[in-house]
Amino acid sequence: MIITDNVESLNKATLLPFSFARKFFILAYVETNDIVEVWSCHETPPEAISEVNRLHGPINLNTISSQQLDEALKKSYENLSGDAAQVIDEYEADVDLARLLED
């Protein structure tokens, strides 16, 4: 199990829509080198990781405990704007990502 040393990035990992991240136990953040940092746990389906890789290109996969991931999910998304347009955009993206995984 890899525990990330970059907690700051983990707490800002909002690349994925919240409902997708929560449903599939996965977080993603783009570092300055354009490599997507992805955090998952033993509950993350491999298809979710593949989908993030397909959508965002090269990833660096980190495995953390489900407790750490749950905590990071809460911290990462707690300060997002409640803007209605953003909520609609995230909802539409969630539906598309979840639908792709079901197909």
N, C-alpha and C. Protein backbone atom coordinates (compact mmCIF):
# COMPACT_ATOMS: atom_id res chain seq x y z
N MET A 1 0.84 -1.18 0.00
CA MET A 1 0.00 0.00 0.00
C MET A 1 0.89 1.24 0.00
N ILE A 2 0.59 2.16 -0.91
CA ILE A 2 1.34 3.41 -0.99
C ILE A 2 0.55 4.49 -0.28
N ILE A 3 1.16 5.16 0.64
CA ILE A 3 0.55 6.30 1.30
C ILE A 3 1.18 7.53 0.68
N THR A 4 0.36 8.40 0.15
CA THR A 4 0.91 9.57 -0.53
C THR A 4 1.57 10.53 0.45
N ASP A 5 2.71 11.08 0.05
CA ASP A 5 3.39 12.09 0.85
C ASP A 5 2.80 13.46 0.58
N ASN A 6 2.05 13.59 -0.51
CA ASN A 6 1.53 14.88 -0.91
C ASN A 6 0.07 15.02 -0.47
N VAL A 7 -0.14 15.19 0.82
CA VAL A 7 -1.48 15.30 1.38
C VAL A 7 -2.18 16.54 0.85
N GLU A 8 -1.44 17.61 0.61
CA GLU A 8 -2.02 18.83 0.07
C GLU A 8 -2.73 18.56 -1.26
N SER A 9 -2.10 17.81 -2.15
CA SER A 9 -2.72 17.46 -3.43
C SER A 9 -3.92 16.56 -3.22
N LEU A 10 -3.80 15.62 -2.33
CA LEU A 10 -4.90 14.69 -2.05
C LEU A 10 -6.12 15.45 -1.58
N ASN A 11 -5.93 16.48 -0.78
CA ASN A 11 -7.06 17.26 -0.27
C ASN A 11 -7.64 18.23 -1.29
N LYS A 12 -7.03 18.33 -2.47
CA LYS A 12 -7.55 19.18 -3.54
C LYS A 12 -7.93 18.33 -4.76
N ALA A 13 -8.12 17.05 -4.56
CA ALA A 13 -8.36 16.13 -5.67
C ALA A 13 -9.81 16.17 -6.11
N THR A 14 -10.14 17.16 -6.93
CA THR A 14 -11.52 17.34 -7.37
C THR A 14 -11.68 17.23 -8.88
N LEU A 15 -10.80 16.51 -9.53
CA LEU A 15 -10.87 16.36 -10.98
C LEU A 15 -12.12 15.60 -11.41
N LEU A 16 -12.56 14.68 -10.58
CA LEU A 16 -13.72 13.86 -10.91
C LEU A 16 -14.98 14.43 -10.27
N PRO A 17 -16.14 14.21 -10.89
CA PRO A 17 -17.38 14.63 -10.24
C PRO A 17 -17.53 13.91 -8.90
N PHE A 18 -18.06 14.62 -7.92
CA PHE A 18 -18.13 14.09 -6.56
C PHE A 18 -18.88 12.76 -6.48
N SER A 19 -20.04 12.67 -7.13
CA SER A 19 -20.81 11.42 -6.98
C SER A 19 -20.07 10.23 -7.59
N PHE A 20 -19.31 10.44 -8.67
CA PHE A 20 -18.49 9.38 -9.25
C PHE A 20 -17.39 8.98 -8.28
N ALA A 21 -16.70 10.00 -7.75
CA ALA A 21 -15.61 9.75 -6.80
C ALA A 21 -16.11 8.98 -5.58
N ARG A 22 -17.24 9.39 -5.06
CA ARG A 22 -17.80 8.75 -3.86
C ARG A 22 -18.29 7.34 -4.16
N LYS A 23 -18.99 7.18 -5.27
CA LYS A 23 -19.56 5.88 -5.62
C LYS A 23 -18.48 4.83 -5.87
N PHE A 24 -17.38 5.25 -6.54
CA PHE A 24 -16.36 4.29 -6.94
C PHE A 24 -15.08 4.37 -6.11
N PHE A 25 -15.11 5.13 -5.02
CA PHE A 25 -13.96 5.23 -4.10
C PHE A 25 -12.67 5.59 -4.84
N ILE A 26 -12.69 6.76 -5.50
CA ILE A 26 -11.54 7.18 -6.29
C ILE A 26 -11.43 8.70 -6.29
N LEU A 27 -10.21 9.19 -6.24
CA LEU A 27 -9.92 10.63 -6.30
C LEU A 27 -8.86 10.86 -7.37
N ALA A 28 -8.89 12.02 -8.00
CA ALA A 28 -7.89 12.35 -9.01
C ALA A 28 -7.56 13.83 -8.95
N TYR A 29 -6.29 14.14 -9.24
CA TYR A 29 -5.78 15.51 -9.21
C TYR A 29 -4.69 15.63 -10.25
N VAL A 30 -4.67 16.74 -11.00
CA VAL A 30 -3.63 16.94 -12.01
C VAL A 30 -2.52 17.77 -11.40
N GLU A 31 -1.33 17.21 -11.38
CA GLU A 31 -0.15 17.93 -10.93
C GLU A 31 0.36 18.79 -12.09
N THR A 32 1.36 19.59 -11.84
CA THR A 32 1.89 20.49 -12.86
C THR A 32 2.51 19.77 -14.05
N ASN A 33 2.88 18.52 -13.90
CA ASN A 33 3.50 17.78 -15.01
C ASN A 33 2.47 17.09 -15.90
N ASP A 34 1.20 17.43 -15.73
CA ASP A 34 0.09 16.88 -16.51
C ASP A 34 -0.17 15.39 -16.29
N ILE A 35 0.50 14.80 -15.35
CA ILE A 35 0.20 13.43 -14.97
C ILE A 35 -0.92 13.49 -13.93
N VAL A 36 -1.93 12.68 -14.13
CA VAL A 36 -3.05 12.66 -13.20
C VAL A 36 -2.70 11.75 -12.03
N GLU A 37 -2.71 12.32 -10.83
CA GLU A 37 -2.51 11.53 -9.61
C GLU A 37 -3.86 10.94 -9.23
N VAL A 38 -3.92 9.64 -9.09
CA VAL A 38 -5.17 8.95 -8.77
C VAL A 38 -4.97 8.20 -7.46
N TRP A 39 -5.95 8.35 -6.57
CA TRP A 39 -5.93 7.63 -5.30
C TRP A 39 -7.12 6.70 -5.26
N SER A 40 -6.86 5.46 -4.90
CA SER A 40 -7.91 4.46 -4.81
C SER A 40 -7.68 3.62 -3.56
N CYS A 41 -8.63 2.74 -3.29
CA CYS A 41 -8.50 1.81 -2.17
C CYS A 41 -8.92 0.43 -2.67
N HIS A 42 -8.95 -0.54 -1.77
CA HIS A 42 -9.30 -1.91 -2.17
C HIS A 42 -10.73 -2.02 -2.68
N GLU A 43 -11.58 -1.04 -2.39
CA GLU A 43 -12.98 -1.06 -2.83
C GLU A 43 -13.18 -0.44 -4.21
N THR A 44 -12.15 0.18 -4.77
CA THR A 44 -12.26 0.83 -6.07
C THR A 44 -12.31 -0.22 -7.18
N PRO A 45 -13.37 -0.20 -7.99
CA PRO A 45 -13.42 -1.15 -9.11
C PRO A 45 -12.35 -0.83 -10.15
N PRO A 46 -11.70 -1.82 -10.71
CA PRO A 46 -10.69 -1.57 -11.74
C PRO A 46 -11.25 -0.78 -12.93
N GLU A 47 -12.54 -0.95 -13.21
CA GLU A 47 -13.16 -0.24 -14.32
C GLU A 47 -13.17 1.28 -14.08
N ALA A 48 -13.30 1.69 -12.83
CA ALA A 48 -13.28 3.12 -12.51
C ALA A 48 -11.89 3.71 -12.78
N ILE A 49 -10.86 2.96 -12.41
CA ILE A 49 -9.49 3.41 -12.66
C ILE A 49 -9.24 3.48 -14.16
N SER A 50 -9.70 2.49 -14.90
CA SER A 50 -9.55 2.47 -16.35
C SER A 50 -10.26 3.66 -16.99
N GLU A 51 -11.42 4.00 -16.47
CA GLU A 51 -12.18 5.11 -17.03
C GLU A 51 -11.46 6.44 -16.80
N VAL A 52 -10.89 6.62 -15.62
CA VAL A 52 -10.12 7.84 -15.35
C VAL A 52 -8.92 7.90 -16.29
N ASN A 53 -8.25 6.78 -16.48
CA ASN A 53 -7.11 6.71 -17.39
C ASN A 53 -7.53 7.02 -18.82
N ARG A 54 -8.66 6.49 -19.24
CA ARG A 54 -9.16 6.73 -20.60
C ARG A 54 -9.49 8.21 -20.82
N LEU A 55 -10.13 8.82 -19.83
CA LEU A 55 -10.55 10.22 -19.97
C LEU A 55 -9.42 11.22 -19.82
N HIS A 56 -8.45 10.92 -18.97
CA HIS A 56 -7.44 11.92 -18.61
C HIS A 56 -6.02 11.57 -19.02
N GLY A 57 -5.81 10.43 -19.63
CA GLY A 57 -4.46 10.08 -20.07
C GLY A 57 -3.65 9.43 -18.96
N PRO A 58 -2.32 9.55 -19.04
CA PRO A 58 -1.44 8.87 -18.09
C PRO A 58 -1.79 9.18 -16.63
N ILE A 59 -1.78 8.15 -15.81
CA ILE A 59 -2.07 8.33 -14.39
C ILE A 59 -0.95 7.75 -13.54
N ASN A 60 -0.85 8.27 -12.34
CA ASN A 60 0.03 7.71 -11.33
C ASN A 60 -0.89 7.19 -10.23
N LEU A 61 -1.00 5.89 -10.10
CA LEU A 61 -1.96 5.27 -9.19
C LEU A 61 -1.36 5.10 -7.80
N ASN A 62 -2.08 5.59 -6.80
CA ASN A 62 -1.70 5.46 -5.39
C ASN A 62 -2.80 4.72 -4.67
N THR A 63 -2.45 3.76 -3.85
CA THR A 63 -3.43 3.02 -3.07
C THR A 63 -3.33 3.43 -1.61
N ILE A 64 -4.47 3.81 -1.06
CA ILE A 64 -4.55 4.20 0.35
C ILE A 64 -5.69 3.42 0.99
N SER A 65 -5.81 3.50 2.30
CA SER A 65 -6.87 2.78 2.99
C SER A 65 -8.22 3.43 2.67
N SER A 66 -9.29 2.65 2.81
CA SER A 66 -10.62 3.20 2.54
C SER A 66 -10.96 4.33 3.52
N GLN A 67 -10.46 4.24 4.75
CA GLN A 67 -10.69 5.30 5.72
C GLN A 67 -9.99 6.59 5.28
N GLN A 68 -8.74 6.48 4.81
CA GLN A 68 -8.02 7.66 4.32
C GLN A 68 -8.72 8.25 3.10
N LEU A 69 -9.19 7.40 2.22
CA LEU A 69 -9.86 7.87 1.02
C LEU A 69 -11.16 8.58 1.37
N ASP A 70 -11.92 8.03 2.29
CA ASP A 70 -13.17 8.65 2.71
C ASP A 70 -12.91 10.03 3.31
N GLU A 71 -11.90 10.12 4.14
CA GLU A 71 -11.53 11.40 4.75
C GLU A 71 -11.08 12.41 3.67
N ALA A 72 -10.29 11.95 2.73
CA ALA A 72 -9.81 12.81 1.65
C ALA A 72 -10.96 13.27 0.76
N LEU A 73 -11.93 12.39 0.50
CA LEU A 73 -13.10 12.77 -0.28
C LEU A 73 -13.82 13.95 0.37
N LYS A 74 -14.04 13.85 1.65
CA LYS A 74 -14.73 14.92 2.38
C LYS A 74 -13.95 16.22 2.32
N LYS A 75 -12.65 16.16 2.56
CA LYS A 75 -11.82 17.37 2.56
C LYS A 75 -11.70 17.96 1.16
N SER A 76 -11.58 17.12 0.17
CA SER A 76 -11.38 17.59 -1.20
C SER A 76 -12.57 18.38 -1.72
N TYR A 77 -13.76 17.91 -1.41
CA TYR A 77 -14.95 18.51 -2.01
C TYR A 77 -15.69 19.47 -1.09
N GLU A 78 -15.24 19.64 0.15
CA GLU A 78 -16.00 20.46 1.10
C GLU A 78 -16.05 21.94 0.75
N ASN A 79 -15.06 22.46 0.04
CA ASN A 79 -15.01 23.90 -0.23
C ASN A 79 -15.46 24.27 -1.64
N LEU A 80 -16.06 23.34 -2.36
CA LEU A 80 -16.51 23.66 -3.71
C LEU A 80 -17.69 24.62 -3.66
N SER A 81 -17.78 25.44 -4.67
CA SER A 81 -18.87 26.40 -4.78
C SER A 81 -20.20 25.68 -4.94
N GLY A 82 -21.24 26.26 -4.41
CA GLY A 82 -22.58 25.72 -4.55
C GLY A 82 -23.25 26.23 -5.80
N ASP A 83 -22.52 26.85 -6.69
CA ASP A 83 -23.03 27.42 -7.93
C ASP A 83 -23.90 26.40 -8.66
N ALA A 84 -25.10 26.80 -9.04
CA ALA A 84 -26.06 25.89 -9.67
C ALA A 84 -25.54 25.32 -10.99
N ALA A 85 -24.85 26.14 -11.78
CA ALA A 85 -24.32 25.65 -13.05
C ALA A 85 -23.29 24.57 -12.83
N GLN A 86 -22.46 24.73 -11.81
CA GLN A 86 -21.43 23.73 -11.51
C GLN A 86 -22.09 22.44 -11.08
N VAL A 87 -23.12 22.54 -10.27
CA VAL A 87 -23.83 21.34 -9.79
C VAL A 87 -24.43 20.60 -10.98
N ILE A 88 -25.04 21.33 -11.92
CA ILE A 88 -25.63 20.69 -13.10
C ILE A 88 -24.55 20.04 -13.94
N ASP A 89 -23.44 20.74 -14.17
CA ASP A 89 -22.34 20.17 -14.95
C ASP A 89 -21.82 18.90 -14.31
N GLU A 90 -21.64 18.93 -12.99
CA GLU A 90 -21.14 17.74 -12.28
C GLU A 90 -22.13 16.60 -12.37
N TYR A 91 -23.42 16.91 -12.25
CA TYR A 91 -24.44 15.87 -12.33
C TYR A 91 -24.41 15.20 -13.70
N GLU A 92 -24.36 16.01 -14.75
CA GLU A 92 -24.32 15.46 -16.11
C GLU A 92 -23.07 14.62 -16.33
N ALA A 93 -21.94 15.07 -15.83
CA ALA A 93 -20.70 14.31 -15.96
C ALA A 93 -20.79 13.00 -15.18
N ASP A 94 -21.41 13.06 -13.99
CA ASP A 94 -21.57 11.85 -13.17
C ASP A 94 -22.38 10.80 -13.91
N VAL A 95 -23.48 11.24 -14.51
CA VAL A 95 -24.35 10.32 -15.22
C VAL A 95 -23.58 9.67 -16.36
N ASP A 96 -22.83 10.47 -17.13
CA ASP A 96 -22.07 9.93 -18.25
C ASP A 96 -21.01 8.94 -17.80
N LEU A 97 -20.24 9.27 -16.76
CA LEU A 97 -19.20 8.36 -16.28
C LEU A 97 -19.80 7.08 -15.72
N ALA A 98 -20.85 7.22 -14.93
CA ALA A 98 -21.47 6.03 -14.34
C ALA A 98 -22.08 5.16 -15.42
N ARG A 99 -22.70 5.77 -16.43
CA ARG A 99 -23.29 5.01 -17.53
C ARG A 99 -22.22 4.25 -18.29
N LEU A 100 -21.08 4.88 -18.53
CA LEU A 100 -19.99 4.21 -19.24
C LEU A 100 -19.50 2.98 -18.47
N LEU A 101 -19.44 3.09 -17.16
CA LEU A 101 -18.98 1.96 -16.37
C LEU A 101 -19.97 0.81 -16.38
N GLU A 102 -21.26 1.14 -16.50
CA GLU A 102 -22.29 0.10 -16.50
C GLU A 102 -22.36 -0.61 -17.82
N ASP A 103 -21.98 0.07 -18.92
CA ASP A 103 -22.06 -0.52 -20.27
C ASP A 103 -21.03 -1.59 -20.49
